[in-house]
Amino acid sequence: EDISSDEGAIYPIENGRVVNWPCFFALITHIYNTLSPPFHTPIMIIAEPVWTARDREAITQFVFEKFKTPAFSLMDSALAVCYGYGVSTATVVDVGKGKVDVTAVTDFLVNEHGRGIALEGCGGDYMTARLLELLSSKGFTWEMCEQLKRSNITEILPPGTPLPGTAATAR
């Protein structure tokens, strides 16, 4: 196998949603076996905001039946970020590969009302595509645009802001 190639790869999660349950469960099993925790170890999984109650139920049932764990928890990703930073109130913006999740957390409670779940079309791949659109005439490839996007020289300007070096900024 070529570890740097995506050929033949199966992705059980797309834009946060589980699209292939057998592969997702195989992934969880692989991770569990790789970690090889001692018997009777509690398990916590960080949950995607788009997971439904039925999704969470299926994951919980699988974990208890497969691993015989004494305790299991699914924690919302936005809440996990708040605990990680030690803040009780925050607006969490999670930019993923192909989507963005926006969640408000108040006193360690996730505000479900008005939550922006999986805003597709504004993730990291779309930024790379836009860079490629702007820089392809200069010979940039997808990989070069991805590297530029990840570098610390990239700045995201608010909508309507003229690009540096254009006539609108030369006044």
C-alpha atoms as a PDB file:
ATOM      1  CA  GLU A   1       0.000   0.000   0.000  1.00  0.00           C
ATOM      2  CA  ASP A   2       1.098   3.525  -0.749  1.00  0.00           C
ATOM      3  CA  ILE A   3       0.283   5.548   2.379  1.00  0.00           C
ATOM      4  CA  SER A   4       0.496   8.843   0.479  1.00  0.00           C
ATOM      5  CA  SER A   5      -2.064   7.799  -2.157  1.00  0.00           C
ATOM      6  CA  ASP A   6      -5.853   8.101  -1.842  1.00  0.00           C
ATOM      7  CA  GLU A   7      -6.442   5.458  -4.509  1.00  0.00           C
ATOM      8  CA  GLY A   8      -9.073   2.995  -3.337  1.00  0.00           C
ATOM      9  CA  ALA A   9      -9.667   4.908  -0.094  1.00  0.00           C
ATOM     10  CA  ILE A  10     -13.127   4.816   1.439  1.00  0.00           C
ATOM     11  CA  TYR A  11     -14.241   7.763   3.526  1.00  0.00           C
ATOM     12  CA  PRO A  12     -17.037   6.791   5.941  1.00  0.00           C
ATOM     13  CA  ILE A  13     -17.653  10.418   6.938  1.00  0.00           C
ATOM     14  CA  GLU A  14     -18.450  13.197   4.460  1.00  0.00           C
ATOM     15  CA  ASN A  15     -19.109  16.737   5.685  1.00  0.00           C
ATOM     16  CA  GLY A  16     -19.547  15.358   9.193  1.00  0.00           C
ATOM     17  CA  ARG A  17     -22.244  12.848   8.250  1.00  0.00           C
ATOM     18  CA  VAL A  18     -21.651   9.108   8.467  1.00  0.00           C
ATOM     19  CA  VAL A  19     -22.312   7.873   4.931  1.00  0.00           C
ATOM     20  CA  ASN A  20     -20.956   4.330   5.254  1.00  0.00           C
ATOM     21  CA  TRP A  21     -21.820   2.752   8.603  1.00  0.00           C
ATOM     22  CA  PRO A  22     -19.935  -0.565   8.175  1.00  0.00           C
ATOM     23  CA  CYS A  23     -16.751   1.351   7.298  1.00  0.00           C
ATOM     24  CA  PHE A  24     -17.314   3.797  10.157  1.00  0.00           C
ATOM     25  CA  PHE A  25     -17.642   0.937  12.629  1.00  0.00           C
ATOM     26  CA  ALA A  26     -14.553  -0.710  11.113  1.00  0.00           C
ATOM     27  CA  LEU A  27     -12.670   2.583  11.627  1.00  0.00           C
ATOM     28  CA  ILE A  28     -13.741   2.779  15.282  1.00  0.00           C
ATOM     29  CA  THR A  29     -12.702  -0.862  15.773  1.00  0.00           C
ATOM     30  CA  HIS A  30      -9.315  -0.215  14.124  1.00  0.00           C
ATOM     31  CA  ILE A  31      -8.672   2.799  16.353  1.00  0.00           C
ATOM     32  CA  TYR A  32      -9.708   0.853  19.448  1.00  0.00           C
ATOM     33  CA  ASN A  33      -7.468  -2.108  18.529  1.00  0.00           C
ATOM     34  CA  THR A  34      -4.545   0.209  17.743  1.00  0.00           C
ATOM     35  CA  LEU A  35      -4.832   1.864  21.149  1.00  0.00           C
ATOM     36  CA  SER A  36      -5.476  -1.532  22.801  1.00  0.00           C
ATOM     37  CA  PRO A  37      -6.791  -0.112  26.072  1.00  0.00           C
ATOM     38  CA  PRO A  38      -7.001  -2.347  29.137  1.00  0.00           C
ATOM     39  CA  PHE A  39     -10.269  -4.164  29.770  1.00  0.00           C
ATOM     40  CA  HIS A  40     -13.006  -2.054  31.429  1.00  0.00           C
ATOM     41  CA  THR A  41     -11.719   1.267  30.069  1.00  0.00           C
ATOM     42  CA  PRO A  42     -14.295   4.064  29.622  1.00  0.00           C
ATOM     43  CA  ILE A  43     -14.562   5.468  26.083  1.00  0.00           C
ATOM     44  CA  MET A  44     -15.402   8.998  24.898  1.00  0.00           C
ATOM     45  CA  ILE A  45     -16.064   9.954  21.279  1.00  0.00           C
ATOM     46  CA  ILE A  46     -16.306  13.566  20.133  1.00  0.00           C
ATOM     47  CA  ALA A  47     -19.559  13.861  18.171  1.00  0.00           C
ATOM     48  CA  GLU A  48     -20.174  15.844  15.015  1.00  0.00           C
ATOM     49  CA  PRO A  49     -22.946  18.443  15.257  1.00  0.00           C
ATOM     50  CA  VAL A  50     -24.798  16.870  12.313  1.00  0.00           C
ATOM     51  CA  TRP A  51     -25.152  13.487  14.017  1.00  0.00           C
ATOM     52  CA  THR A  52     -28.792  12.795  14.773  1.00  0.00           C
ATOM     53  CA  ALA A  53     -30.156  11.124  17.878  1.00  0.00           C
ATOM     54  CA  ARG A  54     -30.423   7.906  15.831  1.00  0.00           C
ATOM     55  CA  ASP A  55     -26.765   8.201  14.767  1.00  0.00           C
ATOM     56  CA  ARG A  56     -25.691   8.680  18.379  1.00  0.00           C
ATOM     57  CA  GLU A  57     -27.818   5.732  19.447  1.00  0.00           C
ATOM     58  CA  ALA A  58     -26.268   3.463  16.788  1.00  0.00           C
ATOM     59  CA  ILE A  59     -22.735   4.472  17.816  1.00  0.00           C
ATOM     60  CA  THR A  60     -23.502   3.978  21.512  1.00  0.00           C
ATOM     61  CA  GLN A  61     -25.016   0.549  20.896  1.00  0.00           C
ATOM     62  CA  PHE A  62     -22.043  -0.513  18.770  1.00  0.00           C
ATOM     63  CA  VAL A  63     -19.475   0.617  21.361  1.00  0.00           C
ATOM     64  CA  PHE A  64     -21.198  -1.127  24.279  1.00  0.00           C
ATOM     65  CA  GLU A  65     -21.798  -4.368  22.363  1.00  0.00           C
ATOM     66  CA  LYS A  66     -18.418  -4.545  20.620  1.00  0.00           C
ATOM     67  CA  PHE A  67     -16.013  -3.328  23.301  1.00  0.00           C
ATOM     68  CA  LYS A  68     -17.931  -4.182  26.495  1.00  0.00           C
ATOM     69  CA  THR A  69     -16.920  -0.838  27.980  1.00  0.00           C
ATOM     70  CA  PRO A  70     -18.205   0.051  31.473  1.00  0.00           C
ATOM     71  CA  ALA A  71     -18.797   3.715  30.524  1.00  0.00           C
ATOM     72  CA  PHE A  72     -19.270   5.601  27.282  1.00  0.00           C
ATOM     73  CA  SER A  73     -19.825   9.249  26.384  1.00  0.00           C
ATOM     74  CA  LEU A  74     -20.496  11.175  23.192  1.00  0.00           C
ATOM     75  CA  MET A  75     -19.453  14.802  23.657  1.00  0.00           C
ATOM     76  CA  ASP A  76     -20.425  17.550  21.227  1.00  0.00           C
ATOM     77  CA  SER A  77     -17.357  18.889  19.405  1.00  0.00           C
ATOM     78  CA  ALA A  78     -18.111  22.532  20.298  1.00  0.00           C
ATOM     79  CA  LEU A  79     -18.428  21.642  23.963  1.00  0.00           C
ATOM     80  CA  ALA A  80     -15.138  19.724  23.817  1.00  0.00           C
ATOM     81  CA  VAL A  81     -13.439  22.848  22.429  1.00  0.00           C
ATOM     82  CA  CYS A  82     -14.800  24.918  25.326  1.00  0.00           C
ATOM     83  CA  TYR A  83     -13.516  22.411  27.880  1.00  0.00           C
ATOM     84  CA  GLY A  84     -10.176  22.287  26.071  1.00  0.00           C
ATOM     85  CA  TYR A  85      -9.755  26.061  26.285  1.00  0.00           C
ATOM     86  CA  GLY A  86     -11.222  26.284  29.777  1.00  0.00           C
ATOM     87  CA  VAL A  87     -13.992  28.708  28.821  1.00  0.00           C
ATOM     88  CA  SER A  88     -17.680  28.272  29.589  1.00  0.00           C
ATOM     89  CA  THR A  89     -19.059  30.579  26.900  1.00  0.00           C
ATOM     90  CA  ALA A  90     -17.847  30.784  23.298  1.00  0.00           C
ATOM     91  CA  THR A  91     -18.781  30.890  19.647  1.00  0.00           C
ATOM     92  CA  VAL A  92     -17.076  27.915  18.055  1.00  0.00           C
ATOM     93  CA  VAL A  93     -16.396  28.038  14.321  1.00  0.00           C
ATOM     94  CA  ASP A  94     -15.153  24.665  13.076  1.00  0.00           C
ATOM     95  CA  VAL A  95     -13.777  24.895   9.534  1.00  0.00           C
ATOM     96  CA  GLY A  96     -13.554  21.457   7.992  1.00  0.00           C
ATOM     97  CA  LYS A  97     -12.533  20.075   4.625  1.00  0.00           C
ATOM     98  CA  GLY A  98     -15.842  20.702   2.896  1.00  0.00           C
ATOM     99  CA  LYS A  99     -18.038  22.449   5.469  1.00  0.00           C
ATOM    100  CA  VAL A 100     -18.171  24.803   8.431  1.00  0.00           C
ATOM    101  CA  ASP A 101     -20.048  24.337  11.723  1.00  0.00           C
ATOM    102  CA  VAL A 102     -20.913  27.389  13.835  1.00  0.00           C
ATOM    103  CA  THR A 103     -22.025  26.771  17.433  1.00  0.00           C
ATOM    104  CA  ALA A 104     -22.751  29.087  20.338  1.00  0.00           C
ATOM    105  CA  VAL A 105     -22.019  27.688  23.805  1.00  0.00           C
ATOM    106  CA  THR A 106     -23.302  29.461  26.926  1.00  0.00           C
ATOM    107  CA  ASP A 107     -22.247  28.263  30.390  1.00  0.00           C
ATOM    108  CA  PHE A 108     -21.212  24.880  28.945  1.00  0.00           C
ATOM    109  CA  LEU A 109     -24.631  24.439  27.278  1.00  0.00           C
ATOM    110  CA  VAL A 110     -24.784  24.048  23.498  1.00  0.00           C
ATOM    111  CA  ASN A 111     -27.342  26.414  21.971  1.00  0.00           C
ATOM    112  CA  GLU A 112     -29.138  24.268  19.408  1.00  0.00           C
ATOM    113  CA  HIS A 113     -31.394  27.123  18.275  1.00  0.00           C
ATOM    114  CA  GLY A 114     -29.805  28.930  15.356  1.00  0.00           C
ATOM    115  CA  ARG A 115     -26.879  26.552  15.185  1.00  0.00           C
ATOM    116  CA  GLY A 116     -25.169  26.588  11.797  1.00  0.00           C
ATOM    117  CA  ILE A 117     -24.650  22.913  11.082  1.00  0.00           C
ATOM    118  CA  ALA A 118     -22.618  21.838   8.087  1.00  0.00           C
ATOM    119  CA  LEU A 119     -22.667  25.010   6.038  1.00  0.00           C
ATOM    120  CA  GLU A 120     -21.432  23.338   2.888  1.00  0.00           C
ATOM    121  CA  GLY A 121     -19.526  25.239   0.250  1.00  0.00           C
ATOM    122  CA  CYS A 122     -17.312  27.222   2.612  1.00  0.00           C
ATOM    123  CA  GLY A 123     -14.757  24.739   3.953  1.00  0.00           C
ATOM    124  CA  GLY A 124     -11.041  24.368   3.347  1.00  0.00           C
ATOM    125  CA  ASP A 125     -11.387  22.704  -0.073  1.00  0.00           C
ATOM    126  CA  TYR A 126     -13.445  25.631  -1.336  1.00  0.00           C
ATOM    127  CA  MET A 127     -10.771  28.067  -0.243  1.00  0.00           C
ATOM    128  CA  THR A 128      -8.144  26.018  -2.069  1.00  0.00           C
ATOM    129  CA  ALA A 129     -10.361  25.938  -5.176  1.00  0.00           C
ATOM    130  CA  ARG A 130     -10.754  29.721  -5.051  1.00  0.00           C
ATOM    131  CA  LEU A 131      -6.994  30.186  -4.724  1.00  0.00           C
ATOM    132  CA  LEU A 132      -6.500  27.877  -7.706  1.00  0.00           C
ATOM    133  CA  GLU A 133      -9.019  29.928  -9.694  1.00  0.00           C
ATOM    134  CA  LEU A 134      -7.121  33.125  -8.876  1.00  0.00           C
ATOM    135  CA  LEU A 135      -3.597  31.741  -9.311  1.00  0.00           C
ATOM    136  CA  SER A 136      -3.860  29.115 -12.074  1.00  0.00           C
ATOM    137  CA  SER A 137      -2.801  31.713 -14.667  1.00  0.00           C
ATOM    138  CA  LYS A 138       0.474  32.021 -12.753  1.00  0.00           C
ATOM    139  CA  GLY A 139       1.094  28.263 -12.981  1.00  0.00           C
ATOM    140  CA  PHE A 140      -0.143  27.261  -9.516  1.00  0.00           C
ATOM    141  CA  THR A 141      -1.390  23.694  -9.032  1.00  0.00           C
ATOM    142  CA  TRP A 142      -3.901  22.385  -6.473  1.00  0.00           C
ATOM    143  CA  GLU A 143      -1.047  21.195  -4.240  1.00  0.00           C
ATOM    144  CA  MET A 144       0.688  24.585  -4.412  1.00  0.00           C
ATOM    145  CA  CYS A 145      -2.560  26.386  -3.521  1.00  0.00           C
ATOM    146  CA  GLU A 146      -3.142  23.982  -0.620  1.00  0.00           C
ATOM    147  CA  GLN A 147       0.380  24.711   0.668  1.00  0.00           C
ATOM    148  CA  LEU A 148      -0.177  28.473   0.277  1.00  0.00           C
ATOM    149  CA  LYS A 149      -3.500  28.257   2.125  1.00  0.00           C
ATOM    150  CA  ARG A 150      -1.824  26.491   5.054  1.00  0.00           C
ATOM    151  CA  SER A 151       1.070  28.940   5.230  1.00  0.00           C
ATOM    152  CA  ASN A 152       1.121  31.828   7.673  1.00  0.00           C
ATOM    153  CA  ILE A 153       1.253  34.438   4.875  1.00  0.00           C
ATOM    154  CA  THR A 154      -2.371  33.857   3.805  1.00  0.00           C
ATOM    155  CA  GLU A 155      -4.864  36.474   4.981  1.00  0.00           C
ATOM    156  CA  ILE A 156      -8.641  36.294   4.539  1.00  0.00           C
ATOM    157  CA  LEU A 157     -10.102  39.706   3.748  1.00  0.00           C
ATOM    158  CA  PRO A 158     -13.718  40.690   4.483  1.00  0.00           C
ATOM    159  CA  PRO A 159     -16.095  40.607   1.486  1.00  0.00           C
ATOM    160  CA  GLY A 160     -15.848  43.737  -0.666  1.00  0.00           C
ATOM    161  CA  THR A 161     -12.303  44.587   0.406  1.00  0.00           C
ATOM    162  CA  PRO A 162     -10.191  45.392  -2.665  1.00  0.00           C
ATOM    163  CA  LEU A 163      -7.214  43.157  -3.194  1.00  0.00           C
ATOM    164  CA  PRO A 164      -3.812  44.701  -2.445  1.00  0.00           C
ATOM    165  CA  GLY A 165      -2.204  46.160  -5.547  1.00  0.00           C
ATOM    166  CA  THR A 166      -5.484  46.786  -7.389  1.00  0.00           C
ATOM    167  CA  ALA A 167      -6.577  50.210  -8.644  1.00  0.00           C
ATOM    168  CA  ALA A 168      -9.050  50.619  -5.756  1.00  0.00           C
ATOM    169  CA  THR A 169      -6.224  50.527  -3.203  1.00  0.00           C
ATOM    170  CA  ALA A 170      -3.766  52.657  -5.210  1.00  0.00           C
ATOM    171  CA  ARG A 171      -5.477  55.976  -4.430  1.00  0.00           C
END
